[in-house]
């Protein structure tokens, strides 16, 4: 059973690398697959995304630094 789940996980990762344009970008920014899926788990527990694509677009944007706010006062 465990071997089947490992093979299934490998298949999912491979299909994502082939079919999703955003997944390889996230893999380059995050040190490991475990970290990537941990971040996905954390985001989806707090936020609701319309689709997988919406999540994959949101995640790289979160790595970009926010533009500096002009000082007031």
N, C-alpha and C. Protein backbone atom coordinates (compact mmCIF):
# COMPACT_ATOMS: atom_id res chain seq x y z
N UNK A 1 0.83 -1.18 0.00
CA UNK A 1 0.00 0.00 0.00
C UNK A 1 0.89 1.27 0.00
N UNK A 2 1.89 1.29 0.86
CA UNK A 2 2.77 2.45 0.93
C UNK A 2 3.50 2.67 -0.39
N UNK A 3 3.96 1.61 -0.98
CA UNK A 3 4.66 1.72 -2.27
C UNK A 3 3.73 2.29 -3.34
N UNK A 4 2.48 1.89 -3.33
CA UNK A 4 1.51 2.41 -4.29
C UNK A 4 1.29 3.91 -4.10
N UNK A 5 1.22 4.36 -2.85
CA UNK A 5 1.04 5.78 -2.58
C UNK A 5 2.26 6.60 -2.99
N UNK A 6 3.44 6.04 -2.79
CA UNK A 6 4.66 6.73 -3.20
C UNK A 6 4.71 6.87 -4.72
N UNK A 7 4.36 5.80 -5.43
CA UNK A 7 4.34 5.85 -6.89
C UNK A 7 3.29 6.84 -7.38
N UNK A 8 2.13 6.88 -6.74
CA UNK A 8 1.09 7.82 -7.10
C UNK A 8 1.55 9.27 -6.88
N UNK A 9 2.22 9.52 -5.77
CA UNK A 9 2.73 10.86 -5.49
C UNK A 9 3.77 11.26 -6.55
N UNK A 10 4.65 10.35 -6.91
CA UNK A 10 5.64 10.63 -7.94
C UNK A 10 4.96 10.95 -9.26
N UNK A 11 3.90 10.22 -9.59
CA UNK A 11 3.15 10.46 -10.82
C UNK A 11 2.52 11.85 -10.80
N UNK A 12 1.94 12.24 -9.69
CA UNK A 12 1.32 13.57 -9.58
C UNK A 12 2.36 14.66 -9.77
N UNK A 13 3.52 14.52 -9.13
CA UNK A 13 4.58 15.52 -9.27
C UNK A 13 5.05 15.61 -10.72
N UNK A 14 5.19 14.49 -11.38
CA UNK A 14 5.65 14.46 -12.77
C UNK A 14 4.63 15.12 -13.69
N UNK A 15 3.36 14.81 -13.50
CA UNK A 15 2.31 15.41 -14.34
C UNK A 15 2.27 16.92 -14.11
N UNK A 16 2.40 17.36 -12.86
CA UNK A 16 2.43 18.80 -12.59
C UNK A 16 3.60 19.48 -13.29
N UNK A 17 4.76 18.85 -13.28
CA UNK A 17 5.92 19.43 -13.96
C UNK A 17 5.69 19.54 -15.46
N UNK A 18 5.01 18.57 -16.04
CA UNK A 18 4.77 18.57 -17.48
C UNK A 18 3.67 19.53 -17.90
N UNK A 19 2.60 19.60 -17.11
CA UNK A 19 1.38 20.27 -17.56
C UNK A 19 1.15 21.68 -17.00
N UNK A 20 1.72 21.99 -15.87
CA UNK A 20 1.45 23.28 -15.23
C UNK A 20 2.65 24.20 -15.39
N UNK A 21 2.42 25.38 -15.97
CA UNK A 21 3.52 26.32 -16.20
C UNK A 21 4.02 26.96 -14.92
N UNK A 22 3.18 27.09 -13.92
CA UNK A 22 3.55 27.76 -12.67
C UNK A 22 4.28 26.84 -11.70
N UNK A 23 4.02 25.56 -11.76
CA UNK A 23 4.61 24.61 -10.81
C UNK A 23 6.14 24.61 -10.85
N UNK A 24 6.78 24.55 -12.03
CA UNK A 24 8.26 24.57 -12.04
C UNK A 24 8.83 25.85 -11.45
N UNK A 25 8.15 26.98 -11.65
CA UNK A 25 8.60 28.24 -11.06
C UNK A 25 8.59 28.15 -9.54
N UNK A 26 7.52 27.61 -8.99
CA UNK A 26 7.44 27.45 -7.53
C UNK A 26 8.49 26.47 -7.02
N UNK A 27 8.75 25.43 -7.78
CA UNK A 27 9.76 24.45 -7.37
C UNK A 27 11.14 25.09 -7.31
N UNK A 28 11.41 26.03 -8.20
CA UNK A 28 12.71 26.71 -8.17
C UNK A 28 12.81 27.66 -6.99
N UNK A 29 11.69 28.24 -6.56
CA UNK A 29 11.71 29.21 -5.46
C UNK A 29 11.71 28.55 -4.09
N UNK A 30 11.15 27.36 -3.99
CA UNK A 30 11.07 26.67 -2.69
C UNK A 30 12.09 25.54 -2.64
N UNK A 31 12.68 25.32 -1.48
CA UNK A 31 13.78 24.36 -1.38
C UNK A 31 13.40 22.89 -1.58
N UNK A 32 12.15 22.54 -1.30
CA UNK A 32 11.78 21.13 -1.41
C UNK A 32 10.30 20.98 -1.74
N UNK A 33 9.94 19.82 -2.24
CA UNK A 33 8.52 19.54 -2.50
C UNK A 33 7.72 19.53 -1.21
N UNK A 34 8.35 19.05 -0.15
CA UNK A 34 7.66 19.02 1.14
C UNK A 34 7.29 20.44 1.56
N UNK A 35 8.20 21.38 1.38
CA UNK A 35 7.93 22.77 1.73
C UNK A 35 6.82 23.34 0.84
N UNK A 36 6.87 23.03 -0.46
CA UNK A 36 5.84 23.50 -1.39
C UNK A 36 4.46 23.04 -0.97
N UNK A 37 4.31 21.75 -0.72
CA UNK A 37 3.00 21.23 -0.39
C UNK A 37 2.58 21.61 1.03
N UNK A 38 3.54 21.86 1.90
CA UNK A 38 3.22 22.38 3.22
C UNK A 38 2.65 23.79 3.10
N UNK A 39 3.25 24.61 2.24
CA UNK A 39 2.74 25.96 2.02
C UNK A 39 1.36 25.93 1.36
N UNK A 40 1.16 25.03 0.41
CA UNK A 40 -0.15 24.89 -0.23
C UNK A 40 -1.19 24.49 0.82
N UNK A 41 -0.83 23.55 1.68
CA UNK A 41 -1.75 23.12 2.74
C UNK A 41 -2.12 24.28 3.66
N UNK A 42 -1.12 25.08 4.03
CA UNK A 42 -1.37 26.23 4.91
C UNK A 42 -2.25 27.27 4.24
N UNK A 43 -1.97 27.57 2.98
CA UNK A 43 -2.77 28.57 2.27
C UNK A 43 -4.21 28.12 2.09
N UNK A 44 -4.40 26.88 1.70
CA UNK A 44 -5.76 26.40 1.43
C UNK A 44 -6.56 26.16 2.71
N UNK A 45 -5.89 26.10 3.85
CA UNK A 45 -6.65 25.98 5.09
C UNK A 45 -7.21 27.33 5.53
N UNK A 46 -6.59 28.44 5.08
CA UNK A 46 -7.04 29.77 5.47
C UNK A 46 -7.75 30.53 4.36
N UNK A 47 -7.40 30.26 3.13
CA UNK A 47 -7.95 31.01 2.01
C UNK A 47 -8.68 30.08 1.05
N UNK A 48 -9.65 30.63 0.35
CA UNK A 48 -10.40 29.86 -0.64
C UNK A 48 -10.01 30.36 -2.04
N UNK A 49 -9.53 29.46 -2.87
CA UNK A 49 -9.13 29.79 -4.23
C UNK A 49 -10.14 29.22 -5.19
N UNK A 50 -10.39 29.97 -6.27
CA UNK A 50 -11.37 29.52 -7.27
C UNK A 50 -10.91 28.26 -8.00
N UNK A 51 -9.59 28.14 -8.17
CA UNK A 51 -9.07 27.01 -8.93
C UNK A 51 -7.60 26.79 -8.57
N UNK A 52 -7.07 25.69 -9.09
CA UNK A 52 -5.64 25.38 -8.91
C UNK A 52 -4.81 26.49 -9.55
N UNK A 53 -5.24 26.97 -10.73
CA UNK A 53 -4.50 28.03 -11.40
C UNK A 53 -4.45 29.30 -10.54
N UNK A 54 -5.56 29.63 -9.90
CA UNK A 54 -5.58 30.82 -9.04
C UNK A 54 -4.56 30.68 -7.90
N UNK A 55 -4.47 29.50 -7.33
CA UNK A 55 -3.48 29.24 -6.27
C UNK A 55 -2.06 29.34 -6.81
N UNK A 56 -1.82 28.75 -7.99
CA UNK A 56 -0.49 28.76 -8.58
C UNK A 56 -0.07 30.16 -9.01
N UNK A 57 -1.01 31.03 -9.32
CA UNK A 57 -0.69 32.42 -9.66
C UNK A 57 -0.46 33.23 -8.39
N UNK A 58 -1.22 32.95 -7.35
CA UNK A 58 -1.10 33.67 -6.08
C UNK A 58 0.24 33.40 -5.40
N UNK A 59 0.68 32.18 -5.40
CA UNK A 59 1.89 31.82 -4.65
C UNK A 59 3.15 32.55 -5.11
N UNK A 60 3.47 32.63 -6.40
CA UNK A 60 4.68 33.37 -6.78
C UNK A 60 4.58 34.86 -6.47
N UNK A 61 3.37 35.41 -6.52
CA UNK A 61 3.20 36.82 -6.19
C UNK A 61 3.52 37.08 -4.73
N UNK A 62 3.31 36.09 -3.88
CA UNK A 62 3.59 36.28 -2.47
C UNK A 62 5.10 36.33 -2.20
N UNK A 63 5.91 35.86 -3.15
CA UNK A 63 7.36 35.93 -3.00
C UNK A 63 7.90 37.30 -3.38
N UNK A 64 7.14 38.03 -4.18
CA UNK A 64 7.58 39.35 -4.62
C UNK A 64 7.45 40.34 -3.47
N UNK A 65 8.46 41.16 -3.26
CA UNK A 65 8.35 42.15 -2.18
C UNK A 65 7.29 43.19 -2.52
N UNK A 66 6.58 43.62 -1.52
CA UNK A 66 5.57 44.65 -1.71
C UNK A 66 6.26 45.97 -2.04
N UNK A 67 5.66 46.77 -2.92
CA UNK A 67 6.27 48.07 -3.22
C UNK A 67 6.28 48.95 -1.96
N UNK A 68 7.31 49.75 -1.82
CA UNK A 68 7.38 50.58 -0.62
C UNK A 68 6.24 51.60 -0.59
N UNK A 69 5.69 51.80 0.58
CA UNK A 69 4.62 52.78 0.75
C UNK A 69 5.24 54.15 0.97
N UNK A 70 4.66 55.16 0.32
CA UNK A 70 5.21 56.51 0.54
C UNK A 70 4.97 56.95 1.98
N UNK A 71 5.95 57.63 2.53
CA UNK A 71 5.83 58.10 3.89
C UNK A 71 4.92 59.31 3.94
N UNK A 72 4.04 59.30 4.93
CA UNK A 72 3.15 60.44 5.10
C UNK A 72 3.41 61.06 6.46
N UNK A 73 3.13 62.32 6.55
CA UNK A 73 3.22 62.94 7.85
C UNK A 73 4.30 63.84 7.99
